[in-house]
Protein backbone atom coordinates (compact mmCIF):
# COMPACT_ATOMS: atom_id res chain seq x y z
CA MET A 1 -103.46 17.34 24.89
CA SER A 2 -105.47 14.73 22.95
CA PHE A 3 -108.14 12.32 24.08
CA ASP A 4 -109.70 9.37 22.33
CA PRO A 5 -113.33 8.87 23.35
CA THR A 6 -113.27 5.37 21.87
CA ALA A 7 -110.38 4.35 24.08
CA PRO A 8 -111.14 2.79 27.45
CA ALA A 9 -110.42 4.97 30.43
CA PRO A 10 -107.28 3.92 32.32
CA ILE A 11 -107.76 1.46 35.13
CA SER A 12 -106.13 2.29 38.47
CA ALA A 13 -104.72 -0.35 40.78
CA ASP A 14 -107.85 -0.49 42.92
CA ARG A 15 -110.17 -1.36 40.00
CA GLU A 16 -111.50 -4.88 39.58
CA GLY A 17 -110.28 -5.54 36.05
CA SER A 18 -111.72 -4.18 32.79
CA PRO A 19 -115.37 -3.19 32.51
CA ALA A 20 -117.67 -6.11 31.82
CA PRO A 21 -119.18 -6.29 28.34
CA ILE A 22 -122.52 -4.55 27.96
CA PRO A 23 -125.19 -7.23 27.76
CA PRO A 24 -127.52 -6.92 24.76
CA GLY A 25 -130.57 -4.81 25.49
CA VAL A 26 -129.12 -2.86 28.43
CA VAL A 27 -130.42 0.68 28.18
CA PRO A 28 -127.71 3.39 28.83
CA ASP A 29 -130.23 5.42 30.83
CA LEU A 30 -130.45 2.55 33.28
CA LEU A 31 -126.66 2.60 33.61
CA PHE A 32 -126.77 6.32 34.38
CA GLN A 33 -129.43 5.76 37.02
CA THR A 34 -127.48 2.93 38.62
CA GLY A 35 -124.22 4.88 38.49
CA TYR A 36 -125.66 7.94 40.18
CA ASP A 37 -127.46 5.81 42.77
CA ARG A 38 -124.07 4.36 43.70
CA LEU A 39 -122.38 7.76 43.66
CA TYR A 40 -125.04 9.24 45.98
CA ALA A 41 -124.68 6.17 48.20
CA ASP A 42 -121.01 7.11 48.70
CA ASP A 43 -119.74 4.31 46.46
CA PRO A 44 -117.69 6.24 43.87
CA VAL A 45 -115.70 3.14 42.87
CA GLY A 46 -118.87 1.23 42.05
CA ALA A 47 -120.28 4.28 40.30
CA ALA A 48 -117.17 4.53 38.13
CA ARG A 49 -117.49 0.86 37.09
CA THR A 50 -121.06 1.49 36.03
CA PHE A 51 -120.26 4.67 34.14
CA ARG A 52 -117.48 2.84 32.28
CA LYS A 53 -120.15 0.55 30.94
CA ALA A 54 -122.14 3.59 29.83
CA CYS A 55 -119.05 4.91 28.01
CA ALA A 56 -118.53 1.53 26.34
CA ALA A 57 -122.18 1.42 25.28
CA ASP A 58 -122.03 4.92 23.76
CA PRO A 59 -118.42 6.19 23.32
CA ALA A 60 -119.67 9.39 21.70
CA SER A 61 -121.69 10.42 24.77
CA GLY A 62 -120.04 13.36 26.50
CA ASP A 63 -122.45 12.95 29.39
CA ALA A 64 -121.21 9.40 29.98
CA TRP A 65 -117.56 10.47 30.02
CA ALA A 66 -118.34 13.40 32.30
CA ALA A 67 -120.22 11.13 34.70
CA LEU A 68 -117.26 8.74 34.75
CA ALA A 69 -114.97 11.70 35.43
CA ASP A 70 -117.14 12.87 38.35
CA ALA A 71 -117.10 9.41 39.90
CA ALA A 72 -113.35 8.99 39.36
CA GLN A 73 -112.71 12.39 40.93
CA ALA A 74 -114.77 11.35 43.98
CA ALA A 75 -112.74 8.14 44.18
CA ASP A 76 -109.43 10.06 44.00
CA ASP A 77 -108.63 8.35 40.70
CA THR A 78 -107.16 11.45 39.10
CA ALA A 79 -105.72 9.72 36.04
CA THR A 80 -109.14 8.43 35.04
CA ALA A 81 -110.73 11.79 35.83
CA VAL A 82 -108.31 13.64 33.54
CA HIS A 83 -108.86 11.15 30.72
CA ALA A 84 -112.66 11.12 31.05
CA TYR A 85 -113.07 14.89 31.33
CA GLY A 86 -110.75 15.24 28.35
CA CYS A 87 -112.91 12.90 26.30
CA ALA A 88 -116.06 14.80 27.31
CA VAL A 89 -114.50 18.14 26.32
CA LEU A 90 -113.30 16.69 23.02
CA ILE A 91 -116.84 15.60 22.22
CA ASP A 92 -118.39 18.96 23.18
CA SER A 93 -116.04 21.80 24.17
CA GLY A 94 -118.99 24.11 24.72
CA VAL A 95 -119.94 22.59 28.06
CA TRP A 96 -118.35 24.92 30.61
CA ALA A 97 -118.63 22.56 33.57
CA TRP A 98 -116.65 19.87 31.76
CA ARG A 99 -113.82 22.27 30.93
CA VAL A 100 -113.68 23.44 34.56
CA GLY A 101 -113.67 19.80 35.67
CA LEU A 102 -110.76 19.04 33.32
CA ALA A 103 -108.73 21.98 34.70
CA ASP A 104 -109.44 20.89 38.27
CA SER A 105 -108.56 17.27 37.60
CA LEU A 106 -105.28 18.28 35.98
CA LEU A 107 -104.36 20.21 39.12
CA ARG A 108 -105.35 17.31 41.38
CA ALA A 109 -103.30 14.96 39.22
CA GLY A 110 -100.17 17.00 39.91
CA ARG A 111 -99.97 18.64 36.51
CA PRO A 112 -99.92 22.34 37.44
CA THR A 113 -98.53 23.61 34.14
CA ALA A 114 -101.36 21.99 32.18
CA ALA A 115 -103.85 23.20 34.81
CA VAL A 116 -102.55 26.77 34.53
CA ALA A 117 -103.03 26.65 30.75
CA ALA A 118 -106.56 25.31 31.12
CA TYR A 119 -107.59 27.79 33.80
CA SER A 120 -105.98 30.68 31.94
CA GLY A 121 -108.24 30.07 28.94
CA LEU A 122 -111.30 29.80 31.16
CA ALA A 123 -110.46 32.99 33.06
CA ALA A 124 -109.95 34.89 29.81
CA GLU A 125 -113.43 33.86 28.66
CA ARG A 126 -115.21 34.53 31.95
CA PRO A 127 -113.12 36.82 34.17
CA ASP A 128 -116.08 37.18 36.56
CA ALA A 129 -116.20 33.44 37.35
CA ALA A 130 -114.99 33.26 40.94
CA LEU A 131 -114.63 29.46 40.92
CA VAL A 132 -112.32 29.67 37.91
CA ARG A 133 -110.23 32.48 39.38
CA LEU A 134 -109.85 30.45 42.58
CA GLY A 135 -108.77 27.35 40.66
CA PHE A 136 -106.40 29.46 38.57
CA ALA A 137 -104.84 30.82 41.78
CA ARG A 138 -104.35 27.30 43.13
CA ALA A 139 -102.72 26.16 39.91
CA LEU A 140 -100.38 29.16 39.82
CA LEU A 141 -99.43 28.54 43.44
CA ALA A 142 -98.73 24.86 42.70
CA GLU A 143 -96.44 25.98 39.88
CA GLY A 144 -94.55 28.28 42.26
CA ARG A 145 -95.84 31.55 40.79
CA LYS A 146 -96.73 33.07 44.16
CA ASP A 147 -97.19 36.72 43.16
CA GLU A 148 -99.52 35.86 40.29
CA ALA A 149 -101.39 33.41 42.51
CA LEU A 150 -101.92 36.11 45.13
CA GLU A 151 -103.52 38.40 42.55
CA GLU A 152 -105.88 35.63 41.42
CA PHE A 153 -106.81 34.86 45.04
CA ARG A 154 -107.61 38.56 45.43
CA GLU A 155 -109.83 38.46 42.35
CA ALA A 156 -111.66 35.36 43.57
CA ALA A 157 -112.29 36.87 47.01
CA ALA A 158 -113.43 40.16 45.47
CA LEU A 159 -115.95 38.31 43.32
CA ARG A 160 -117.14 36.29 46.32
CA PRO A 161 -116.30 38.25 49.49
CA ASP A 162 -118.40 35.88 51.60
CA ASP A 163 -116.87 32.72 50.15
CA ARG A 164 -115.14 31.15 53.13
CA ASP A 165 -112.74 28.99 51.13
CA ALA A 166 -111.71 31.83 48.83
CA VAL A 167 -111.02 34.13 51.78
CA LEU A 168 -109.14 31.42 53.69
CA GLU A 169 -106.87 30.72 50.73
CA LEU A 170 -106.35 34.41 50.05
CA SER A 171 -105.46 34.94 53.71
CA SER A 172 -102.93 32.12 53.65
CA ALA A 173 -101.33 33.65 50.55
CA LEU A 174 -101.29 37.09 52.19
CA ILE A 175 -99.52 35.73 55.26
CA GLU A 176 -96.97 34.02 53.01
CA ALA A 177 -96.47 37.32 51.15
CA GLY A 178 -95.88 39.23 54.39
CA ASP A 179 -99.29 40.91 54.62
CA ALA A 180 -100.74 39.17 57.65
CA LEU A 181 -102.60 42.35 58.57
CA GLY A 182 -104.49 42.07 55.29
CA ALA A 183 -105.33 38.47 56.19
CA VAL A 184 -106.82 39.52 59.54
CA GLU A 185 -108.91 42.20 57.83
CA ARG A 186 -110.34 39.60 55.46
CA LEU A 187 -110.96 36.88 58.05
CA GLN A 188 -112.52 38.78 60.93
CA PRO A 189 -115.80 39.74 59.19
CA LEU A 190 -116.38 36.07 58.31
CA SER A 191 -115.64 34.95 61.86
CA ARG A 192 -118.15 37.46 63.20
CA ARG A 193 -120.81 36.06 60.88
CA ASP A 194 -119.92 32.47 61.78
CA PRO A 195 -118.48 32.54 65.31
CA ASP A 196 -118.51 28.72 65.57
CA ASP A 197 -116.13 28.12 62.66
CA ALA A 198 -112.93 26.76 64.20
CA VAL A 199 -110.99 26.99 60.92
CA LEU A 200 -111.58 30.73 60.68
CA HIS A 201 -110.44 31.33 64.27
CA HIS A 202 -107.36 29.18 63.71
CA ALA A 203 -106.46 31.14 60.58
CA ILE A 204 -106.90 34.43 62.45
CA GLY A 205 -104.63 33.12 65.19
CA ARG A 206 -101.93 32.25 62.64
CA ALA A 207 -102.17 35.74 61.18
CA TRP A 208 -101.77 37.37 64.60
CA ILE A 209 -98.74 35.16 65.25
CA ALA A 210 -97.17 36.47 62.05
CA LEU A 211 -97.86 39.99 63.26
CA ARG A 212 -96.25 39.27 66.66
CA GLU A 213 -99.50 39.90 68.54
CA PRO A 214 -99.42 36.97 71.00
CA GLU A 215 -102.42 38.00 73.10
CA LYS A 216 -104.68 38.37 70.08
CA ALA A 217 -103.30 35.13 68.65
CA LEU A 218 -104.02 33.30 71.90
CA ALA A 219 -107.60 34.57 72.02
CA ALA A 220 -108.29 33.34 68.48
CA LEU A 221 -106.50 30.02 68.89
CA ARG A 222 -108.25 29.24 72.18
CA LYS A 223 -111.59 29.72 70.43
CA ALA A 224 -110.44 27.40 67.66
CA ARG A 225 -109.31 24.78 70.17
CA ASP A 226 -112.58 24.91 72.08
CA LEU A 227 -114.57 24.44 68.86
CA ASP A 228 -112.27 21.72 67.51
CA SER A 229 -112.66 18.95 70.07
CA ASP A 230 -110.02 16.60 68.61
CA ASP A 231 -107.61 19.48 67.82
CA SER A 232 -107.37 18.45 64.19
CA LEU A 233 -106.16 21.96 63.35
CA GLY A 234 -103.20 21.83 65.74
CA SER A 235 -104.18 24.89 67.77
CA ALA A 236 -102.95 23.41 71.06
CA ALA A 237 -99.30 23.33 69.98
CA LEU A 238 -99.41 26.96 68.87
CA ILE A 239 -101.07 27.96 72.15
CA ALA A 240 -98.37 26.18 74.14
CA ALA A 241 -95.62 27.97 72.24
CA LEU A 242 -97.24 31.36 72.75
CA GLU A 243 -97.84 30.71 76.45
CA ALA A 244 -94.14 29.87 76.72
CA GLY A 245 -93.36 33.40 75.57
CA GLU A 246 -92.55 32.89 71.89
CA GLY A 247 -93.49 35.52 69.30
CA ALA A 248 -93.69 38.64 71.46
CA ASP A 249 -91.51 40.98 69.40
CA LEU A 250 -92.50 43.01 66.33
CA SER A 251 -92.01 41.37 62.96
CA ALA A 252 -90.89 42.88 59.68
CA ALA A 253 -94.21 41.69 58.24
CA TYR A 254 -96.11 43.73 60.81
CA VAL A 255 -94.12 46.90 60.15
CA ARG A 256 -94.33 46.51 56.37
CA ALA A 257 -98.08 45.91 56.42
CA LEU A 258 -98.67 48.77 58.84
CA PHE A 259 -96.86 51.34 56.74
CA ASP A 260 -98.09 50.09 53.39
CA ARG A 261 -101.59 50.90 54.65
CA TYR A 262 -100.47 54.18 56.17
CA ALA A 263 -98.58 55.51 53.12
CA ASP A 264 -101.35 57.62 51.58
CA ARG A 265 -102.06 59.61 54.74
CA PHE A 266 -98.65 59.33 56.40
CA ASP A 267 -97.43 62.89 55.92
CA GLN A 268 -100.73 64.48 56.84
CA ASP A 269 -101.19 62.43 60.01
CA LEU A 270 -97.59 62.40 61.16
CA VAL A 271 -96.84 66.07 60.69
CA GLY A 272 -100.32 67.49 61.17
CA LYS A 273 -101.81 65.32 63.92
CA LEU A 274 -98.72 63.92 65.65
CA GLY A 275 -96.38 66.90 65.44
CA TYR A 276 -93.60 64.78 63.98
CA ALA A 277 -90.33 66.63 64.63
CA ALA A 278 -87.66 63.91 64.53
CA PRO A 279 -85.99 64.96 61.23
CA GLU A 280 -85.69 68.61 62.27
CA LEU A 281 -84.37 67.65 65.71
CA LEU A 282 -81.72 65.44 64.12
CA ARG A 283 -80.71 68.06 61.58
CA ARG A 284 -80.22 70.68 64.29
CA ALA A 285 -78.13 68.21 66.31
CA VAL A 286 -75.94 67.35 63.30
CA ASP A 287 -75.48 71.05 62.51
CA ARG A 288 -74.46 71.81 66.08
CA LEU A 289 -71.74 69.19 65.89
CA GLY A 290 -70.51 70.33 62.48
CA GLY A 291 -69.37 68.03 59.73
CA GLY A 292 -69.54 69.85 56.41
CA ASN A 293 -71.58 69.39 53.27
CA GLY A 294 -71.55 67.02 50.31
CA LEU A 295 -71.94 64.02 52.60
CA ARG A 296 -72.91 60.48 51.69
CA VAL A 297 -76.14 60.15 53.68
CA LEU A 298 -78.27 57.04 54.17
CA ASP A 299 -81.82 57.60 55.45
CA LEU A 300 -82.75 54.44 57.35
CA GLY A 301 -86.49 53.77 57.34
CA CYS A 302 -86.98 56.71 55.00
CA GLY A 303 -90.77 56.39 54.82
CA THR A 304 -92.21 58.97 52.44
CA GLY A 305 -89.00 61.01 52.52
CA LEU A 306 -89.62 63.57 55.27
CA ALA A 307 -86.06 63.20 56.56
CA GLY A 308 -84.83 63.39 53.00
CA VAL A 309 -86.36 66.84 52.70
CA THR A 310 -84.50 67.90 55.83
CA PHE A 311 -81.10 66.41 54.98
CA ARG A 312 -80.94 66.88 51.21
CA SER A 313 -78.96 70.14 51.51
CA LEU A 314 -76.21 68.33 53.47
CA ALA A 315 -75.94 65.45 51.05
CA GLY A 316 -73.78 65.03 48.00
CA HIS A 317 -75.37 61.60 47.68
CA LEU A 318 -78.66 60.82 49.46
CA ALA A 319 -79.96 57.25 49.67
CA GLY A 320 -82.99 55.84 51.44
CA VAL A 321 -84.29 52.41 52.41
CA ASP A 322 -87.63 51.32 53.87
CA LEU A 323 -89.47 48.07 54.45
CA SER A 324 -92.70 49.37 52.89
CA PRO A 325 -92.83 49.39 49.08
CA ARG A 326 -95.60 51.96 49.10
CA MET A 327 -93.61 54.28 51.34
CA VAL A 328 -90.64 54.00 48.99
CA ASP A 329 -92.92 54.88 46.07
CA LYS A 330 -94.00 58.04 47.93
CA ALA A 331 -90.37 58.94 48.66
CA ARG A 332 -89.41 58.39 45.03
CA ALA A 333 -92.11 60.81 43.94
CA ARG A 334 -90.31 63.59 45.84
CA ALA A 335 -87.33 63.28 43.45
CA LEU A 336 -84.90 63.95 46.32
CA TYR A 337 -83.00 60.68 46.61
CA ASP A 338 -80.16 59.46 44.44
CA ASP A 339 -80.94 55.85 45.41
CA LEU A 340 -83.96 54.20 47.03
CA TRP A 341 -84.47 50.56 48.02
CA VAL A 342 -87.07 48.37 49.63
CA GLY A 343 -85.46 46.48 52.50
CA ASP A 344 -84.79 46.46 56.21
CA VAL A 345 -82.29 48.47 58.20
CA ALA A 346 -79.91 45.57 58.81
CA ALA A 347 -79.70 44.65 55.13
CA ALA A 348 -79.09 48.27 54.14
CA LEU A 349 -76.20 48.56 56.58
CA ASP A 350 -74.64 45.14 56.10
CA PRO A 351 -73.58 44.41 52.50
CA THR A 352 -73.14 40.72 53.28
CA LEU A 353 -76.91 40.46 53.74
CA ASP A 354 -77.73 42.15 50.43
CA PRO A 355 -74.79 43.61 48.49
CA ALA A 356 -77.12 45.42 46.11
CA LEU A 357 -78.31 47.68 48.90
CA ASP A 358 -74.94 49.36 49.54
CA PRO A 359 -72.87 50.23 46.49
CA ALA A 360 -70.03 51.49 48.68
CA PRO A 361 -69.70 49.42 51.89
CA ALA A 362 -68.23 51.28 54.85
CA GLY A 363 -68.57 54.52 52.93
CA TRP A 364 -71.40 56.44 54.60
CA ASP A 365 -70.69 59.79 56.22
CA LEU A 366 -74.04 60.01 57.98
CA LEU A 367 -76.69 57.48 58.91
CA VAL A 368 -80.06 58.95 59.88
CA ALA A 369 -82.80 57.00 61.66
CA ALA A 370 -85.69 59.35 62.44
CA ASP A 371 -88.31 57.61 64.60
CA VAL A 372 -87.32 54.24 63.11
CA LEU A 373 -85.59 52.36 65.93
CA VAL A 374 -88.91 52.32 67.81
CA TYR A 375 -89.77 49.30 65.63
CA ILE A 376 -86.64 47.37 66.63
CA GLY A 377 -86.12 45.98 70.10
CA ASP A 378 -82.56 44.67 70.27
CA LEU A 379 -80.36 47.41 68.79
CA ALA A 380 -77.06 45.55 69.10
CA PRO A 381 -77.13 44.30 65.48
CA VAL A 382 -78.04 47.80 64.26
CA PHE A 383 -75.16 49.47 66.10
CA ARG A 384 -72.69 46.82 64.88
CA ALA A 385 -73.86 47.18 61.30
CA ALA A 386 -73.74 50.98 61.57
CA ALA A 387 -70.14 50.83 62.77
CA ASP A 388 -69.23 48.64 59.80
CA ALA A 389 -71.07 50.84 57.28
CA LEU A 390 -69.64 54.21 58.41
CA ARG A 391 -66.34 55.58 57.19
CA PRO A 392 -63.93 56.66 59.98
CA GLY A 393 -65.33 59.90 61.35
CA GLY A 394 -68.81 59.06 60.06
CA ARG A 395 -71.83 59.51 62.32
CA PHE A 396 -75.02 57.70 63.26
CA ALA A 397 -77.87 60.03 64.32
CA ALA A 398 -81.21 58.69 65.56
CA THR A 399 -84.19 59.21 67.82
CA VAL A 400 -85.81 56.64 70.10
CA GLU A 401 -88.59 56.64 72.65
CA ARG A 402 -87.23 56.85 76.20
CA LEU A 403 -87.51 54.02 78.70
CA ASP A 404 -87.18 54.83 82.37
CA GLY A 405 -85.29 51.77 83.46
CA ASP A 406 -82.91 49.35 81.82
CA GLY A 407 -82.70 47.76 78.40
CA PHE A 408 -85.70 48.08 76.10
CA ALA A 409 -89.40 47.25 76.22
CA LEU A 410 -92.35 46.99 73.86
CA GLY A 411 -95.04 49.45 74.88
CA PRO A 412 -98.85 49.36 74.50
CA THR A 413 -98.62 51.36 71.26
CA ARG A 414 -96.55 48.53 69.73
CA ARG A 415 -93.42 50.69 69.68
CA TYR A 416 -90.20 49.99 71.56
CA ALA A 417 -88.69 52.31 74.14
CA HIS A 418 -84.96 52.22 74.99
CA ALA A 419 -83.09 53.29 78.09
CA GLU A 420 -80.25 55.84 77.97
CA ALA A 421 -77.80 53.42 79.59
CA TYR A 422 -78.74 50.79 77.02
CA LEU A 423 -77.96 53.13 74.12
CA ARG A 424 -74.57 54.01 75.62
CA ALA A 425 -73.77 50.33 76.13
CA MET A 426 -74.75 49.40 72.56
CA ALA A 427 -72.64 52.20 71.10
CA GLU A 428 -69.62 51.28 73.20
CA ALA A 429 -69.93 47.59 72.31
CA ALA A 430 -69.97 48.48 68.61
CA GLY A 431 -66.92 50.73 68.93
CA LEU A 432 -68.84 53.99 68.45
CA ARG A 433 -68.34 57.13 70.54
CA ILE A 434 -71.41 59.01 71.77
CA LEU A 435 -71.08 62.69 70.85
CA MET A 436 -74.56 63.69 71.96
CA LEU A 437 -77.36 62.01 73.87
CA GLU A 438 -80.20 64.20 75.12
CA PRO A 439 -83.95 64.17 75.78
CA CYS A 440 -86.29 65.15 72.97
CA ALA A 441 -89.94 64.91 71.91
CA PRO A 442 -89.93 63.31 68.45
CA ARG A 443 -93.75 63.31 68.19
CA ARG A 444 -96.98 63.66 70.13
CA GLU A 445 -99.48 61.01 71.13
CA LYS A 446 -103.04 62.10 72.03
CA GLY A 447 -101.84 65.67 72.28
CA VAL A 448 -99.01 64.87 74.71
CA ASP A 449 -95.30 64.91 73.85
CA VAL A 450 -93.80 61.44 73.62
CA PRO A 451 -90.66 61.30 75.79
CA GLY A 452 -87.70 60.45 73.61
CA LEU A 453 -83.94 60.46 73.32
CA LEU A 454 -81.76 61.78 70.52
CA PHE A 455 -78.22 60.52 70.02
CA VAL A 456 -75.35 61.10 67.64
CA ALA A 457 -72.58 58.49 67.69
CA GLU A 458 -69.30 58.68 65.77
CA LYS A 459 -66.95 56.06 64.36
CA PRO A 460 -63.45 56.95 65.59
CA LEU A 461 -60.80 57.96 63.06
């Protein structure tokens, strides 16, 4: 990019012609004073006209070009801002503020690729400059590089953990990336320090919506609405939707975020504290029914691989899938699985959703879902997909939490419970035959066995 300090800055449509000639004897310092007086009086257009005269009087003055750029930026004249900052930087590239201004003006002018290049150089020189990392993140996001933008937002927020704007933008990126729980964790400390900030409460409400926590979302959004008298944030529409019953079920984003955070202590807590027994219960049930060895086994919601440990001896080919990337990393470290993927249960079972997840559609001998269906309410799609993915004679073995009643319901622990009659109906509708359906205790909660059900369903020959 090249700039000519001797060239006049471009004139936008709202300018009143070219700058007037500088009368003899006009002192540039007086032009600076007049220009800043106008800028501080909220007249950026008038300030820009005055600073143009300063640039014409002394084209080699970086300060004059930078002042023009500041005024143009305030007047939303991005073309002039880019040109003027560029001239200032060309005259003296050692002034950090001018280089940051140029990068920012490029982004505002809709030139994200040039802005990324400018911010990248700045970040390399001063990686601890939070303002630069934040601008770099915005430029990357504008260029569509979401993953890289998220990392830069993280850096900016880490450098300035109390910077409201940095945390708000990081939180928005986290929600977009499926980590709304991370967004809540970032936003809540700021909202406690500034309880009258409607924007923070609105952002927290959006995060809770993404996590399918309607009551928490309503509490945050009502605060935002009460603090935002003209509802400029749009909280009222979100409140109305939630009050109408939308967003009550668990989301994939919630489950992924939950288990990504839980991965490091998962085995210790689940086996040690919660008495997790679902894999062993399922293995004993499968053994009782018979079925041989060397099976093609798919571990649905494999987590860290606890069920893989239990079923490896039955499997000629053992595959696993889980929503949480960190859980899959833990499972991979066990070196038990022949294939592992990050994805949801439906995609793993239905090759039309993601063909890469199932190298042999309708070829599984055994599908195992140990304490996984508790995160899915409506099981009809799961049973249908299981029936399609199994070979004739193949089996689907799973545990659920037991509901005394009909259908399914989301409990206070944010886990679904399913009724026995519901499971039988879902299996029958999918064309599967129930071989076994019996009570079990897949885990404990606060020292008490959680009432559950274990079933094994078979695809007819």
